[in-house]
PDB file of N, CA and C in Angstrom:
ATOM      1  N   MET A   1       0.827  -1.197   0.000  1.00  0.00           N
ATOM      2  CA  MET A   1       0.000   0.000   0.000  1.00  0.00           C
ATOM      3  C   MET A   1       0.872   1.263   0.000  1.00  0.00           C
ATOM      4  N   ARG A   2       1.964   1.177   0.709  1.00  0.00           N
ATOM      5  CA  ARG A   2       2.852   2.339   0.798  1.00  0.00           C
ATOM      6  C   ARG A   2       3.420   2.685  -0.576  1.00  0.00           C
ATOM      7  N   TYR A   3       3.746   1.643  -1.356  1.00  0.00           N
ATOM      8  CA  TYR A   3       4.308   1.857  -2.693  1.00  0.00           C
ATOM      9  C   TYR A   3       3.268   2.523  -3.608  1.00  0.00           C
ATOM     10  N   ARG A   4       2.006   2.079  -3.484  1.00  0.00           N
ATOM     11  CA  ARG A   4       0.952   2.633  -4.325  1.00  0.00           C
ATOM     12  C   ARG A   4       0.755   4.113  -4.009  1.00  0.00           C
ATOM     13  N   ARG A   5       0.806   4.466  -2.723  1.00  0.00           N
ATOM     14  CA  ARG A   5       0.650   5.868  -2.328  1.00  0.00           C
ATOM     15  C   ARG A   5       1.827   6.689  -2.849  1.00  0.00           C
ATOM     16  N   PHE A   6       3.029   6.125  -2.780  1.00  0.00           N
ATOM     17  CA  PHE A   6       4.237   6.813  -3.257  1.00  0.00           C
ATOM     18  C   PHE A   6       4.144   7.050  -4.761  1.00  0.00           C
ATOM     19  N   LYS A   7       3.647   6.041  -5.496  1.00  0.00           N
ATOM     20  CA  LYS A   7       3.500   6.150  -6.942  1.00  0.00           C
ATOM     21  C   LYS A   7       2.479   7.234  -7.295  1.00  0.00           C
ATOM     22  N   ALA A   8       1.392   7.302  -6.532  1.00  0.00           N
ATOM     23  CA  ALA A   8       0.360   8.313  -6.773  1.00  0.00           C
ATOM     24  C   ALA A   8       0.933   9.710  -6.520  1.00  0.00           C
ATOM     25  N   LEU A   9       1.781   9.824  -5.489  1.00  0.00           N
ATOM     26  CA  LEU A   9       2.396  11.117  -5.166  1.00  0.00           C
ATOM     27  C   LEU A   9       3.325  11.555  -6.291  1.00  0.00           C
ATOM     28  N   ILE A  10       4.080  10.615  -6.844  1.00  0.00           N
ATOM     29  CA  ILE A  10       4.990  10.918  -7.961  1.00  0.00           C
ATOM     30  C   ILE A  10       4.192  11.395  -9.174  1.00  0.00           C
ATOM     31  N   LEU A  11       3.098  10.673  -9.489  1.00  0.00           N
ATOM     32  CA  LEU A  11       2.272  11.040 -10.643  1.00  0.00           C
ATOM     33  C   LEU A  11       1.643  12.408 -10.441  1.00  0.00           C
ATOM     34  N   ALA A  12       1.195  12.699  -9.220  1.00  0.00           N
ATOM     35  CA  ALA A  12       0.577  14.000  -8.928  1.00  0.00           C
ATOM     36  C   ALA A  12       1.604  15.111  -9.097  1.00  0.00           C
ATOM     37  N   GLY A  13       2.811  14.887  -8.605  1.00  0.00           N
ATOM     38  CA  GLY A  13       3.871  15.889  -8.718  1.00  0.00           C
ATOM     39  C   GLY A  13       4.280  16.100 -10.165  1.00  0.00           C
ATOM     40  N   TRP A  14       4.335  15.005 -10.940  1.00  0.00           N
ATOM     41  CA  TRP A  14       4.694  15.104 -12.358  1.00  0.00           C
ATOM     42  C   TRP A  14       3.630  15.874 -13.130  1.00  0.00           C
ATOM     43  N   GLY A  15       2.366  15.599 -12.812  1.00  0.00           N
ATOM     44  CA  GLY A  15       1.265  16.290 -13.485  1.00  0.00           C
ATOM     45  C   GLY A  15       1.268  17.771 -13.151  1.00  0.00           C
ATOM     46  N   ALA A  16       1.519  18.097 -11.883  1.00  0.00           N
ATOM     47  CA  ALA A  16       1.540  19.504 -11.457  1.00  0.00           C
ATOM     48  C   ALA A  16       2.680  20.252 -12.136  1.00  0.00           C
ATOM     49  N   SER A  17       3.852  19.633 -12.196  1.00  0.00           N
ATOM     50  CA  SER A  17       5.005  20.293 -12.812  1.00  0.00           C
ATOM     51  C   SER A  17       4.794  20.446 -14.320  1.00  0.00           C
ATOM     52  N   THR A  18       4.119  19.475 -14.935  1.00  0.00           N
ATOM     53  CA  THR A  18       3.833  19.569 -16.367  1.00  0.00           C
ATOM     54  C   THR A  18       2.900  20.743 -16.638  1.00  0.00           C
ATOM     55  N   LEU A  19       1.847  20.874 -15.810  1.00  0.00           N
ATOM     56  CA  LEU A  19       0.914  21.987 -15.974  1.00  0.00           C
ATOM     57  C   LEU A  19       1.631  23.307 -15.752  1.00  0.00           C
ATOM     58  N   LEU A  20       2.533  23.335 -14.782  1.00  0.00           N
ATOM     59  CA  LEU A  20       3.277  24.561 -14.477  1.00  0.00           C
ATOM     60  C   LEU A  20       4.149  24.960 -15.673  1.00  0.00           C
ATOM     61  N   ILE A  21       4.839  23.982 -16.259  1.00  0.00           N
ATOM     62  CA  ILE A  21       5.709  24.245 -17.412  1.00  0.00           C
ATOM     63  C   ILE A  21       4.874  24.746 -18.599  1.00  0.00           C
ATOM     64  N   LEU A  22       3.720  24.107 -18.822  1.00  0.00           N
ATOM     65  CA  LEU A  22       2.849  24.529 -19.922  1.00  0.00           C
ATOM     66  C   LEU A  22       2.343  25.941 -19.681  1.00  0.00           C
ATOM     67  N   GLY A  23       2.013  26.258 -18.426  1.00  0.00           N
ATOM     68  CA  GLY A  23       1.532  27.596 -18.087  1.00  0.00           C
ATOM     69  C   GLY A  23       2.614  28.638 -18.316  1.00  0.00           C
ATOM     70  N   VAL A  24       3.839  28.332 -17.936  1.00  0.00           N
ATOM     71  CA  VAL A  24       4.959  29.267 -18.117  1.00  0.00           C
ATOM     72  C   VAL A  24       5.243  29.454 -19.608  1.00  0.00           C
ATOM     73  N   ALA A  25       5.173  28.359 -20.361  1.00  0.00           N
ATOM     74  CA  ALA A  25       5.417  28.438 -21.805  1.00  0.00           C
ATOM     75  C   ALA A  25       4.345  29.293 -22.475  1.00  0.00           C
ATOM     76  N   ALA A  26       3.093  29.118 -22.061  1.00  0.00           N
ATOM     77  CA  ALA A  26       1.988  29.885 -22.644  1.00  0.00           C
ATOM     78  C   ALA A  26       2.132  31.361 -22.270  1.00  0.00           C
ATOM     79  N   ALA A  27       2.541  31.637 -21.045  1.00  0.00           N
ATOM     80  CA  ALA A  27       2.710  33.016 -20.591  1.00  0.00           C
ATOM     81  C   ALA A  27       3.910  33.658 -21.291  1.00  0.00           C
ATOM     82  N   GLY A  28       4.930  32.824 -21.604  1.00  0.00           N
ATOM     83  CA  GLY A  28       6.127  33.333 -22.259  1.00  0.00           C
ATOM     84  C   GLY A  28       5.833  33.797 -23.681  1.00  0.00           C
ATOM     85  N   GLN A  29       4.853  33.173 -24.312  1.00  0.00           N
ATOM     86  CA  GLN A  29       4.484  33.570 -25.667  1.00  0.00           C
ATOM     87  C   GLN A  29       3.647  34.837 -25.597  1.00  0.00           C
TER      88      GLN A  29
END
């Protein structure tokens, strides 16, 4: 169970950073 929670945390962090990068790229244009 601990591994599944850790994996979910990684995916959430990756998704958040991806959205952040896309937002910065859109703002940069």
